[in-house]
Amino acid sequence: MTARRTIATVLAFVALNVATAMPHSTLRYVVWYPAFGYLSIEWLLRARAGYLRRRPHWTRASWRRYLAVCVVPAGALVIFAGMLAALEWKLPMVGAARSATREVWAWVSVVFMVIGAGGAATAVEMLSHGDPSRPFTWPRWLSREPRSLA
C-alpha cells in the first residue's frame, strides 16, 4: 500500500514538472490540475490519519504545543502572500524593476515560501509518524529536563 502511494506521489510530481514545461494549452491544465489535486488530497489524508491515530492519546497541552508549531508556517505563508501582492500591485516599497531592493524583496519572499511550505510539510509529518501514545513534546535538546546518563 505504501509503495503504491509513493509511486503515485512521484508520478504526480513528474506530471507537475512536465505540465510546467508545456506551452499554455488545454493539455497543460489537464495534466496539472489532477496532479496538484492528488498531491493536495494525499497531504490532507496524511494529516487526518495522523490526527485520528493520536486523538485518544494526546492532551490539551500537547495539542496546544502542536498548534504553536503550525502557526509559524501559516504566518510565513501569509507574509509570502502579502509580499507577492505588494509585488503584483507595484507598491513603491518593492522598488523599481531590476533594482537591488527588488532583488532583496524576491529573495526574502522565497525564504518565507520555503519556511511556510517546508514547515507545513514537517508539521504534518510530525503528526503522522511516531508513537501515537507519546504526545507532542519538544525535542530533548530543547527541553530543560535533566538527561539521564544511562
N, C-alpha and C. Protein backbone atom coordinates (compact mmCIF):
# COMPACT_ATOMS: atom_id res chain seq x y z
N MET A 1 0.82 -1.19 0.00
CA MET A 1 0.00 0.00 0.00
C MET A 1 0.87 1.26 0.00
N THR A 2 1.88 1.29 0.84
CA THR A 2 2.75 2.47 0.91
C THR A 2 3.55 2.65 -0.36
N ALA A 3 4.01 1.55 -0.94
CA ALA A 3 4.80 1.65 -2.17
C ALA A 3 3.94 2.21 -3.31
N ARG A 4 2.69 1.82 -3.38
CA ARG A 4 1.81 2.36 -4.43
C ARG A 4 1.61 3.85 -4.26
N ARG A 5 1.42 4.28 -3.01
CA ARG A 5 1.22 5.71 -2.77
C ARG A 5 2.49 6.49 -3.09
N THR A 6 3.63 5.93 -2.78
CA THR A 6 4.89 6.60 -3.09
C THR A 6 5.08 6.73 -4.59
N ILE A 7 4.79 5.67 -5.32
CA ILE A 7 4.90 5.71 -6.78
C ILE A 7 3.93 6.74 -7.36
N ALA A 8 2.70 6.75 -6.85
CA ALA A 8 1.71 7.71 -7.35
C ALA A 8 2.14 9.14 -7.03
N THR A 9 2.72 9.36 -5.86
CA THR A 9 3.19 10.70 -5.50
C THR A 9 4.33 11.14 -6.41
N VAL A 10 5.26 10.25 -6.68
CA VAL A 10 6.37 10.58 -7.58
C VAL A 10 5.83 10.88 -8.98
N LEU A 11 4.87 10.08 -9.45
CA LEU A 11 4.28 10.34 -10.77
C LEU A 11 3.55 11.69 -10.80
N ALA A 12 2.90 12.04 -9.70
CA ALA A 12 2.22 13.34 -9.65
C ALA A 12 3.23 14.48 -9.71
N PHE A 13 4.37 14.36 -9.01
CA PHE A 13 5.41 15.38 -9.10
C PHE A 13 5.99 15.47 -10.51
N VAL A 14 6.19 14.33 -11.14
CA VAL A 14 6.68 14.33 -12.53
C VAL A 14 5.66 15.01 -13.44
N ALA A 15 4.38 14.72 -13.23
CA ALA A 15 3.33 15.33 -14.05
C ALA A 15 3.31 16.85 -13.85
N LEU A 16 3.50 17.31 -12.62
CA LEU A 16 3.55 18.76 -12.38
C LEU A 16 4.72 19.41 -13.12
N ASN A 17 5.86 18.76 -13.09
CA ASN A 17 7.03 19.32 -13.79
C ASN A 17 6.85 19.29 -15.30
N VAL A 18 6.26 18.22 -15.82
CA VAL A 18 6.01 18.14 -17.26
C VAL A 18 5.00 19.22 -17.67
N ALA A 19 3.95 19.39 -16.86
CA ALA A 19 2.94 20.40 -17.18
C ALA A 19 3.52 21.81 -17.15
N THR A 20 4.45 22.05 -16.25
CA THR A 20 5.08 23.36 -16.18
C THR A 20 5.91 23.65 -17.42
N ALA A 21 6.52 22.62 -17.97
CA ALA A 21 7.36 22.79 -19.16
C ALA A 21 6.54 22.91 -20.44
N MET A 22 5.27 22.51 -20.40
CA MET A 22 4.42 22.58 -21.61
C MET A 22 4.04 24.02 -21.91
N PRO A 23 3.79 24.30 -23.19
CA PRO A 23 3.26 25.63 -23.52
C PRO A 23 1.82 25.75 -23.01
N HIS A 24 1.35 26.98 -22.90
CA HIS A 24 -0.01 27.19 -22.41
C HIS A 24 -1.00 26.57 -23.39
N SER A 25 -1.61 25.50 -22.93
CA SER A 25 -2.61 24.82 -23.74
C SER A 25 -3.56 24.09 -22.81
N THR A 26 -4.59 23.52 -23.39
CA THR A 26 -5.55 22.75 -22.60
C THR A 26 -4.89 21.52 -22.00
N LEU A 27 -3.99 20.88 -22.74
CA LEU A 27 -3.31 19.69 -22.24
C LEU A 27 -2.49 19.99 -20.99
N ARG A 28 -1.90 21.17 -20.93
CA ARG A 28 -1.14 21.56 -19.74
C ARG A 28 -2.02 21.53 -18.50
N TYR A 29 -3.20 22.09 -18.60
CA TYR A 29 -4.10 22.15 -17.45
C TYR A 29 -4.73 20.80 -17.16
N VAL A 30 -4.91 19.99 -18.19
CA VAL A 30 -5.45 18.63 -17.98
C VAL A 30 -4.45 17.79 -17.20
N VAL A 31 -3.17 18.05 -17.36
CA VAL A 31 -2.13 17.31 -16.62
C VAL A 31 -1.90 17.95 -15.25
N TRP A 32 -1.88 19.27 -15.17
CA TRP A 32 -1.50 19.96 -13.94
C TRP A 32 -2.55 19.83 -12.84
N TYR A 33 -3.82 20.09 -13.14
CA TYR A 33 -4.85 20.09 -12.09
C TYR A 33 -5.04 18.73 -11.42
N PRO A 34 -5.12 17.62 -12.14
CA PRO A 34 -5.23 16.33 -11.42
C PRO A 34 -4.00 16.01 -10.58
N ALA A 35 -2.81 16.35 -11.06
CA ALA A 35 -1.59 16.08 -10.29
C ALA A 35 -1.58 16.92 -9.02
N PHE A 36 -1.90 18.19 -9.12
CA PHE A 36 -1.93 19.05 -7.95
C PHE A 36 -3.04 18.62 -7.00
N GLY A 37 -4.18 18.24 -7.54
CA GLY A 37 -5.28 17.75 -6.72
C GLY A 37 -4.92 16.48 -5.96
N TYR A 38 -4.24 15.56 -6.63
CA TYR A 38 -3.82 14.32 -5.98
C TYR A 38 -2.86 14.62 -4.83
N LEU A 39 -1.88 15.48 -5.06
CA LEU A 39 -0.92 15.80 -4.01
C LEU A 39 -1.60 16.50 -2.83
N SER A 40 -2.55 17.37 -3.10
CA SER A 40 -3.26 18.07 -2.02
C SER A 40 -4.09 17.10 -1.20
N ILE A 41 -4.81 16.22 -1.88
CA ILE A 41 -5.64 15.25 -1.17
C ILE A 41 -4.78 14.27 -0.38
N GLU A 42 -3.66 13.85 -0.94
CA GLU A 42 -2.74 12.95 -0.24
C GLU A 42 -2.21 13.61 1.03
N TRP A 43 -1.86 14.88 0.96
CA TRP A 43 -1.37 15.61 2.13
C TRP A 43 -2.45 15.73 3.20
N LEU A 44 -3.67 16.05 2.80
CA LEU A 44 -4.76 16.17 3.76
C LEU A 44 -5.11 14.82 4.38
N LEU A 45 -5.09 13.75 3.60
CA LEU A 45 -5.37 12.42 4.15
C LEU A 45 -4.28 11.98 5.13
N ARG A 46 -3.05 12.34 4.86
CA ARG A 46 -1.96 12.01 5.79
C ARG A 46 -2.15 12.76 7.11
N ALA A 47 -2.53 14.02 7.04
CA ALA A 47 -2.78 14.80 8.26
C ALA A 47 -3.96 14.22 9.03
N ARG A 48 -5.01 13.84 8.34
CA ARG A 48 -6.19 13.27 9.00
C ARG A 48 -5.86 11.94 9.66
N ALA A 49 -5.10 11.09 8.98
CA ALA A 49 -4.72 9.80 9.56
C ALA A 49 -3.88 9.99 10.82
N GLY A 50 -2.95 10.93 10.80
CA GLY A 50 -2.15 11.22 11.99
C GLY A 50 -3.00 11.75 13.12
N TYR A 51 -3.96 12.61 12.79
CA TYR A 51 -4.86 13.15 13.81
C TYR A 51 -5.68 12.03 14.44
N LEU A 52 -6.24 11.15 13.63
CA LEU A 52 -7.06 10.06 14.17
C LEU A 52 -6.24 9.09 15.01
N ARG A 53 -4.98 8.84 14.62
CA ARG A 53 -4.12 7.96 15.40
C ARG A 53 -3.80 8.55 16.77
N ARG A 54 -3.61 9.84 16.83
CA ARG A 54 -3.15 10.47 18.06
C ARG A 54 -4.26 11.01 18.94
N ARG A 55 -5.44 11.17 18.41
CA ARG A 55 -6.54 11.80 19.15
C ARG A 55 -6.79 11.18 20.53
N PRO A 56 -6.83 9.85 20.68
CA PRO A 56 -7.13 9.32 22.02
C PRO A 56 -6.01 9.52 23.04
N HIS A 57 -4.80 9.77 22.59
CA HIS A 57 -3.65 9.81 23.50
C HIS A 57 -3.22 11.21 23.89
N TRP A 58 -3.45 12.17 23.06
CA TRP A 58 -2.91 13.49 23.31
C TRP A 58 -3.74 14.26 24.32
N THR A 59 -3.07 15.20 24.97
CA THR A 59 -3.73 16.06 25.94
C THR A 59 -3.95 17.44 25.32
N ARG A 60 -4.68 18.25 26.05
CA ARG A 60 -4.93 19.62 25.59
C ARG A 60 -3.62 20.38 25.44
N ALA A 61 -2.71 20.18 26.36
CA ALA A 61 -1.41 20.89 26.30
C ALA A 61 -0.59 20.45 25.10
N SER A 62 -0.61 19.16 24.78
CA SER A 62 0.17 18.70 23.63
C SER A 62 -0.42 19.22 22.32
N TRP A 63 -1.75 19.32 22.26
CA TRP A 63 -2.36 19.90 21.06
C TRP A 63 -2.01 21.39 20.93
N ARG A 64 -1.96 22.08 22.06
CA ARG A 64 -1.57 23.50 22.01
C ARG A 64 -0.14 23.65 21.51
N ARG A 65 0.76 22.79 21.98
CA ARG A 65 2.15 22.85 21.51
C ARG A 65 2.23 22.55 20.02
N TYR A 66 1.46 21.57 19.56
CA TYR A 66 1.48 21.24 18.13
C TYR A 66 0.93 22.41 17.30
N LEU A 67 -0.16 23.01 17.75
CA LEU A 67 -0.71 24.15 17.01
C LEU A 67 0.24 25.34 17.03
N ALA A 68 1.00 25.51 18.11
CA ALA A 68 2.00 26.58 18.14
C ALA A 68 3.06 26.35 17.07
N VAL A 69 3.42 25.10 16.84
CA VAL A 69 4.38 24.78 15.77
C VAL A 69 3.76 25.06 14.40
N CYS A 70 2.47 24.86 14.25
CA CYS A 70 1.80 25.09 12.96
C CYS A 70 1.60 26.57 12.66
N VAL A 71 1.65 27.42 13.67
CA VAL A 71 1.44 28.86 13.45
C VAL A 71 2.59 29.48 12.66
N VAL A 72 3.80 29.01 12.88
CA VAL A 72 4.96 29.59 12.19
C VAL A 72 4.85 29.42 10.67
N PRO A 73 4.61 28.19 10.15
CA PRO A 73 4.48 28.09 8.69
C PRO A 73 3.26 28.84 8.15
N ALA A 74 2.17 28.84 8.89
CA ALA A 74 0.98 29.57 8.42
C ALA A 74 1.28 31.07 8.34
N GLY A 75 1.95 31.60 9.35
CA GLY A 75 2.32 33.02 9.32
C GLY A 75 3.28 33.33 8.19
N ALA A 76 4.24 32.43 7.95
CA ALA A 76 5.20 32.64 6.86
C ALA A 76 4.48 32.65 5.50
N LEU A 77 3.49 31.79 5.33
CA LEU A 77 2.75 31.77 4.07
C LEU A 77 1.88 33.02 3.90
N VAL A 78 1.33 33.54 4.99
CA VAL A 78 0.55 34.78 4.91
C VAL A 78 1.47 35.95 4.53
N ILE A 79 2.66 36.01 5.14
CA ILE A 79 3.62 37.07 4.78
C ILE A 79 4.05 36.92 3.32
N PHE A 80 4.28 35.68 2.89
CA PHE A 80 4.66 35.43 1.50
C PHE A 80 3.57 35.91 0.54
N ALA A 81 2.31 35.62 0.86
CA ALA A 81 1.20 36.07 0.01
C ALA A 81 1.12 37.60 -0.02
N GLY A 82 1.35 38.23 1.13
CA GLY A 82 1.35 39.69 1.18
C GLY A 82 2.48 40.30 0.36
N MET A 83 3.65 39.66 0.40
CA MET A 83 4.77 40.16 -0.39
C MET A 83 4.51 40.01 -1.88
N LEU A 84 3.89 38.90 -2.27
CA LEU A 84 3.54 38.74 -3.69
C LEU A 84 2.48 39.74 -4.12
N ALA A 85 1.53 40.02 -3.24
CA ALA A 85 0.50 41.02 -3.57
C ALA A 85 1.13 42.39 -3.74
N ALA A 86 2.07 42.75 -2.87
CA ALA A 86 2.75 44.04 -3.00
C ALA A 86 3.52 44.12 -4.31
N LEU A 87 4.13 43.01 -4.69
CA LEU A 87 4.86 42.97 -5.96
C LEU A 87 3.90 43.11 -7.14
N GLU A 88 2.77 42.43 -7.07
CA GLU A 88 1.78 42.48 -8.15
C GLU A 88 1.17 43.88 -8.28
N TRP A 89 0.93 44.53 -7.16
CA TRP A 89 0.31 45.85 -7.17
C TRP A 89 1.32 46.97 -7.39
N LYS A 90 2.60 46.60 -7.55
CA LYS A 90 3.67 47.56 -7.82
C LYS A 90 3.74 48.68 -6.77
N LEU A 91 3.68 48.27 -5.52
CA LEU A 91 3.80 49.24 -4.44
C LEU A 91 5.23 49.81 -4.41
N PRO A 92 5.39 51.06 -4.00
CA PRO A 92 6.71 51.68 -4.03
C PRO A 92 7.75 50.98 -3.14
N MET A 93 7.32 50.34 -2.06
CA MET A 93 8.29 49.70 -1.15
C MET A 93 9.00 48.51 -1.79
N VAL A 94 8.46 47.99 -2.91
CA VAL A 94 9.07 46.85 -3.59
C VAL A 94 10.30 47.27 -4.38
N GLY A 95 10.34 48.52 -4.79
CA GLY A 95 11.48 49.02 -5.56
C GLY A 95 11.21 48.97 -7.05
N ALA A 96 12.08 49.61 -7.77
CA ALA A 96 11.96 49.65 -9.23
C ALA A 96 12.40 48.32 -9.83
N ALA A 97 11.98 48.10 -11.06
CA ALA A 97 12.37 46.87 -11.75
C ALA A 97 13.89 46.80 -11.87
N ARG A 98 14.46 45.63 -11.66
CA ARG A 98 15.89 45.35 -11.75
C ARG A 98 16.73 46.13 -10.73
N SER A 99 16.13 46.54 -9.63
CA SER A 99 16.89 47.25 -8.60
C SER A 99 17.33 46.26 -7.52
N ALA A 100 18.24 46.71 -6.69
CA ALA A 100 18.71 45.87 -5.59
C ALA A 100 17.59 45.62 -4.58
N THR A 101 16.75 46.63 -4.39
CA THR A 101 15.63 46.47 -3.47
C THR A 101 14.69 45.36 -3.96
N ARG A 102 14.41 45.33 -5.24
CA ARG A 102 13.53 44.30 -5.79
C ARG A 102 14.16 42.93 -5.67
N GLU A 103 15.47 42.83 -5.83
CA GLU A 103 16.15 41.55 -5.71
C GLU A 103 16.09 41.03 -4.27
N VAL A 104 16.32 41.93 -3.32
CA VAL A 104 16.21 41.53 -1.91
C VAL A 104 14.78 41.12 -1.60
N TRP A 105 13.81 41.86 -2.12
CA TRP A 105 12.40 41.53 -1.92
C TRP A 105 12.11 40.12 -2.45
N ALA A 106 12.62 39.80 -3.60
CA ALA A 106 12.39 38.47 -4.19
C ALA A 106 13.02 37.37 -3.33
N TRP A 107 14.25 37.59 -2.88
CA TRP A 107 14.91 36.56 -2.06
C TRP A 107 14.23 36.37 -0.71
N VAL A 108 13.79 37.45 -0.11
CA VAL A 108 13.09 37.34 1.18
C VAL A 108 11.76 36.62 1.00
N SER A 109 11.07 36.88 -0.10
CA SER A 109 9.80 36.18 -0.34
C SER A 109 10.04 34.68 -0.57
N VAL A 110 11.14 34.33 -1.22
CA VAL A 110 11.48 32.91 -1.40
C VAL A 110 11.75 32.25 -0.04
N VAL A 111 12.44 32.96 0.83
CA VAL A 111 12.72 32.42 2.17
C VAL A 111 11.41 32.17 2.92
N PHE A 112 10.49 33.13 2.88
CA PHE A 112 9.20 32.92 3.55
C PHE A 112 8.41 31.77 2.92
N MET A 113 8.50 31.61 1.62
CA MET A 113 7.81 30.49 0.96
C MET A 113 8.39 29.16 1.43
N VAL A 114 9.70 29.06 1.50
CA VAL A 114 10.34 27.81 1.93
C VAL A 114 10.00 27.51 3.39
N ILE A 115 10.04 28.52 4.25
CA ILE A 115 9.69 28.31 5.66
C ILE A 115 8.24 27.86 5.77
N GLY A 116 7.35 28.49 5.02
CA GLY A 116 5.93 28.14 5.09
C GLY A 116 5.63 26.75 4.56
N ALA A 117 6.11 26.46 3.37
CA ALA A 117 5.82 25.16 2.76
C ALA A 117 6.55 24.03 3.49
N GLY A 118 7.82 24.25 3.79
CA GLY A 118 8.58 23.22 4.49
C GLY A 118 8.07 23.00 5.91
N GLY A 119 7.71 24.07 6.57
CA GLY A 119 7.17 23.95 7.93
C GLY A 119 5.83 23.23 7.96
N ALA A 120 4.97 23.52 7.00
CA ALA A 120 3.68 22.83 6.94
C ALA A 120 3.86 21.34 6.67
N ALA A 121 4.76 21.01 5.75
CA ALA A 121 5.02 19.60 5.45
C ALA A 121 5.64 18.90 6.66
N THR A 122 6.53 19.58 7.36
CA THR A 122 7.15 18.99 8.55
C THR A 122 6.12 18.79 9.66
N ALA A 123 5.21 19.74 9.83
CA ALA A 123 4.18 19.61 10.86
C ALA A 123 3.28 18.40 10.59
N VAL A 124 2.92 18.19 9.33
CA VAL A 124 2.09 17.03 9.00
C VAL A 124 2.86 15.74 9.19
N GLU A 125 4.13 15.73 8.83
CA GLU A 125 4.95 14.53 9.05
C GLU A 125 5.11 14.23 10.53
N MET A 126 5.27 15.26 11.34
CA MET A 126 5.37 15.04 12.79
C MET A 126 4.08 14.44 13.33
N LEU A 127 2.96 14.85 12.77
CA LEU A 127 1.68 14.33 13.21
C LEU A 127 1.45 12.90 12.77
N SER A 128 1.89 12.56 11.57
CA SER A 128 1.54 11.26 11.00
C SER A 128 2.53 10.15 11.35
N HIS A 129 3.70 10.47 11.88
CA HIS A 129 4.68 9.43 12.21
C HIS A 129 4.96 9.42 13.70
N GLY A 130 5.54 8.34 14.14
CA GLY A 130 5.94 8.23 15.53
C GLY A 130 4.91 7.48 16.35
N ASP A 131 5.23 7.32 17.61
CA ASP A 131 4.38 6.61 18.55
C ASP A 131 3.18 7.48 18.89
N PRO A 132 1.95 7.01 18.61
CA PRO A 132 0.79 7.85 18.89
C PRO A 132 0.54 8.07 20.38
N SER A 133 1.02 7.18 21.21
CA SER A 133 0.78 7.36 22.64
C SER A 133 1.72 8.39 23.27
N ARG A 134 2.73 8.81 22.54
CA ARG A 134 3.65 9.82 23.05
C ARG A 134 3.19 11.19 22.54
N PRO A 135 2.69 12.03 23.42
CA PRO A 135 2.19 13.34 22.99
C PRO A 135 3.30 14.19 22.39
N PHE A 136 2.89 15.17 21.64
CA PHE A 136 3.85 16.07 21.02
C PHE A 136 4.61 16.80 22.12
N THR A 137 5.91 16.64 22.12
CA THR A 137 6.77 17.32 23.08
C THR A 137 7.94 17.93 22.32
N TRP A 138 8.61 18.83 22.96
CA TRP A 138 9.77 19.44 22.36
C TRP A 138 10.90 18.43 22.30
N PRO A 139 11.83 18.57 21.36
CA PRO A 139 12.98 17.66 21.32
C PRO A 139 13.77 17.75 22.63
N ARG A 140 14.49 16.68 22.94
CA ARG A 140 15.23 16.64 24.20
C ARG A 140 16.26 17.75 24.31
N TRP A 141 16.88 18.12 23.21
CA TRP A 141 17.90 19.15 23.28
C TRP A 141 17.30 20.52 23.55
N LEU A 142 15.97 20.69 23.36
CA LEU A 142 15.32 21.96 23.68
C LEU A 142 14.69 21.97 25.07
N SER A 143 14.42 20.78 25.59
CA SER A 143 13.75 20.73 26.89
C SER A 143 14.75 21.00 28.01
N ARG A 144 14.26 21.43 29.14
CA ARG A 144 15.12 21.75 30.26
C ARG A 144 15.22 20.61 31.26
N GLU A 145 14.66 19.46 30.90
CA GLU A 145 14.73 18.32 31.80
C GLU A 145 16.14 17.76 31.82
N PRO A 146 16.61 17.34 32.98
CA PRO A 146 17.96 16.73 33.01
C PRO A 146 17.98 15.40 32.29
N ARG A 147 19.05 15.17 31.60
CA ARG A 147 19.19 13.92 30.85
C ARG A 147 19.82 12.85 31.72
N SER A 148 19.35 11.64 31.52
CA SER A 148 19.97 10.54 32.26
C SER A 148 21.18 10.06 31.47
N LEU A 149 22.17 9.61 32.16
CA LEU A 149 23.39 9.14 31.52
C LEU A 149 23.34 7.67 31.21
N ALA A 150 22.24 7.01 31.53
CA ALA A 150 22.13 5.57 31.30
C ALA A 150 21.84 5.25 29.87
